[in-house]
Amino acid sequence: MAYTQENITELDLLMLYDLSNTQKGIKIHKTADAEKIAAAKRLFKKGFISQVDGGYLTTLGSEAAEQAQSLFTMLNAHSGE
């Protein structure tokens, strides 16, 4: 099993959220890369974000973003070795 490019783009979007402030959302502008626009639409359809173009994390999205950011931190913790 491996992450698809679509998964990676979705994870990258989840990484943009500031988990320390639930009142901060994101906006994916119509001039953004097509891949990011499509990822936001998928995350909205799956129930991770509140708007098709970003918005706020849902409860599910918040949990996923926390895990994505934790995994990122773990994977990069020893990148200098």
Protein backbone atom coordinates (compact mmCIF):
# COMPACT_ATOMS: atom_id res chain seq x y z
CA MET A 1 0.00 0.00 0.00
CA ALA A 2 1.31 3.47 -0.83
CA TYR A 3 0.07 7.03 -0.68
CA THR A 4 -1.26 8.32 -3.98
CA GLN A 5 -0.39 11.77 -5.28
CA GLU A 6 -3.98 12.76 -4.41
CA ASN A 7 -3.38 11.62 -0.80
CA ILE A 8 -0.15 13.61 -0.62
CA THR A 9 -1.86 16.77 -1.89
CA GLU A 10 -4.67 16.31 0.65
CA LEU A 11 -2.11 15.86 3.45
CA ASP A 12 -0.28 18.98 2.29
CA LEU A 13 -3.53 20.94 2.55
CA LEU A 14 -4.21 19.61 6.03
CA MET A 15 -0.71 20.75 7.01
CA LEU A 16 -1.68 24.35 6.22
CA TYR A 17 -4.11 24.53 9.12
CA ASP A 18 -3.00 26.15 12.39
CA LEU A 19 -4.04 23.63 15.01
CA SER A 20 -3.41 26.07 17.83
CA ASN A 21 -6.26 28.32 16.65
CA THR A 22 -9.54 26.73 15.54
CA GLN A 23 -10.75 30.17 14.42
CA LYS A 24 -8.16 30.26 11.63
CA GLY A 25 -9.28 28.66 8.41
CA ILE A 26 -7.74 28.63 4.96
CA LYS A 27 -8.94 29.78 1.56
CA ILE A 28 -7.96 28.01 -1.64
CA HIS A 29 -8.27 30.68 -4.30
CA LYS A 30 -9.51 29.91 -7.79
CA THR A 31 -6.03 30.82 -9.07
CA ALA A 32 -4.39 28.06 -6.98
CA ASP A 33 -2.91 24.96 -8.56
CA ALA A 34 -5.58 22.66 -9.97
CA GLU A 35 -4.31 19.86 -7.73
CA LYS A 36 -4.89 21.94 -4.59
CA ILE A 37 -8.36 22.96 -5.73
CA ALA A 38 -9.23 19.33 -6.42
CA ALA A 39 -7.77 18.24 -3.05
CA ALA A 40 -9.90 20.79 -1.22
CA LYS A 41 -13.00 19.53 -3.02
CA ARG A 42 -12.18 15.95 -2.04
CA LEU A 43 -11.54 16.91 1.59
CA PHE A 44 -14.84 18.79 1.69
CA LYS A 45 -16.71 15.85 0.16
CA LYS A 46 -15.11 13.49 2.72
CA GLY A 47 -16.13 15.78 5.58
CA PHE A 48 -12.69 17.02 6.62
CA ILE A 49 -13.22 20.72 5.89
CA SER A 50 -16.23 23.02 6.11
CA GLN A 51 -16.10 24.62 2.67
CA VAL A 52 -15.31 23.34 -0.80
CA ASP A 53 -12.52 25.94 -1.04
CA GLY A 54 -11.08 25.44 2.44
CA GLY A 55 -12.82 27.03 5.38
CA TYR A 56 -12.36 25.43 8.77
CA LEU A 57 -11.49 21.93 9.87
CA THR A 58 -14.37 19.73 10.96
CA THR A 59 -13.91 17.45 13.96
CA LEU A 60 -12.76 14.70 11.59
CA GLY A 61 -10.49 17.13 9.77
CA SER A 62 -8.95 18.37 12.99
CA GLU A 63 -8.12 14.81 14.02
CA ALA A 64 -6.65 14.07 10.58
CA ALA A 65 -4.61 17.29 10.55
CA GLU A 66 -3.22 16.52 14.02
CA GLN A 67 -2.14 13.08 12.87
CA ALA A 68 -0.70 14.40 9.60
CA GLN A 69 1.30 17.06 11.42
CA SER A 70 2.50 14.54 14.02
CA LEU A 71 3.63 12.13 11.33
CA PHE A 72 5.43 14.94 9.52
CA THR A 73 7.24 15.86 12.73
CA MET A 74 8.23 12.25 13.40
CA LEU A 75 9.47 11.70 9.86
CA ASN A 76 11.57 14.84 9.97
CA ALA A 77 12.82 14.60 13.55
CA HIS A 78 16.11 12.98 12.56
CA SER A 79 16.49 14.28 9.03
CA GLY A 80 19.94 15.69 9.84
CA GLU A 81 21.46 12.28 10.59
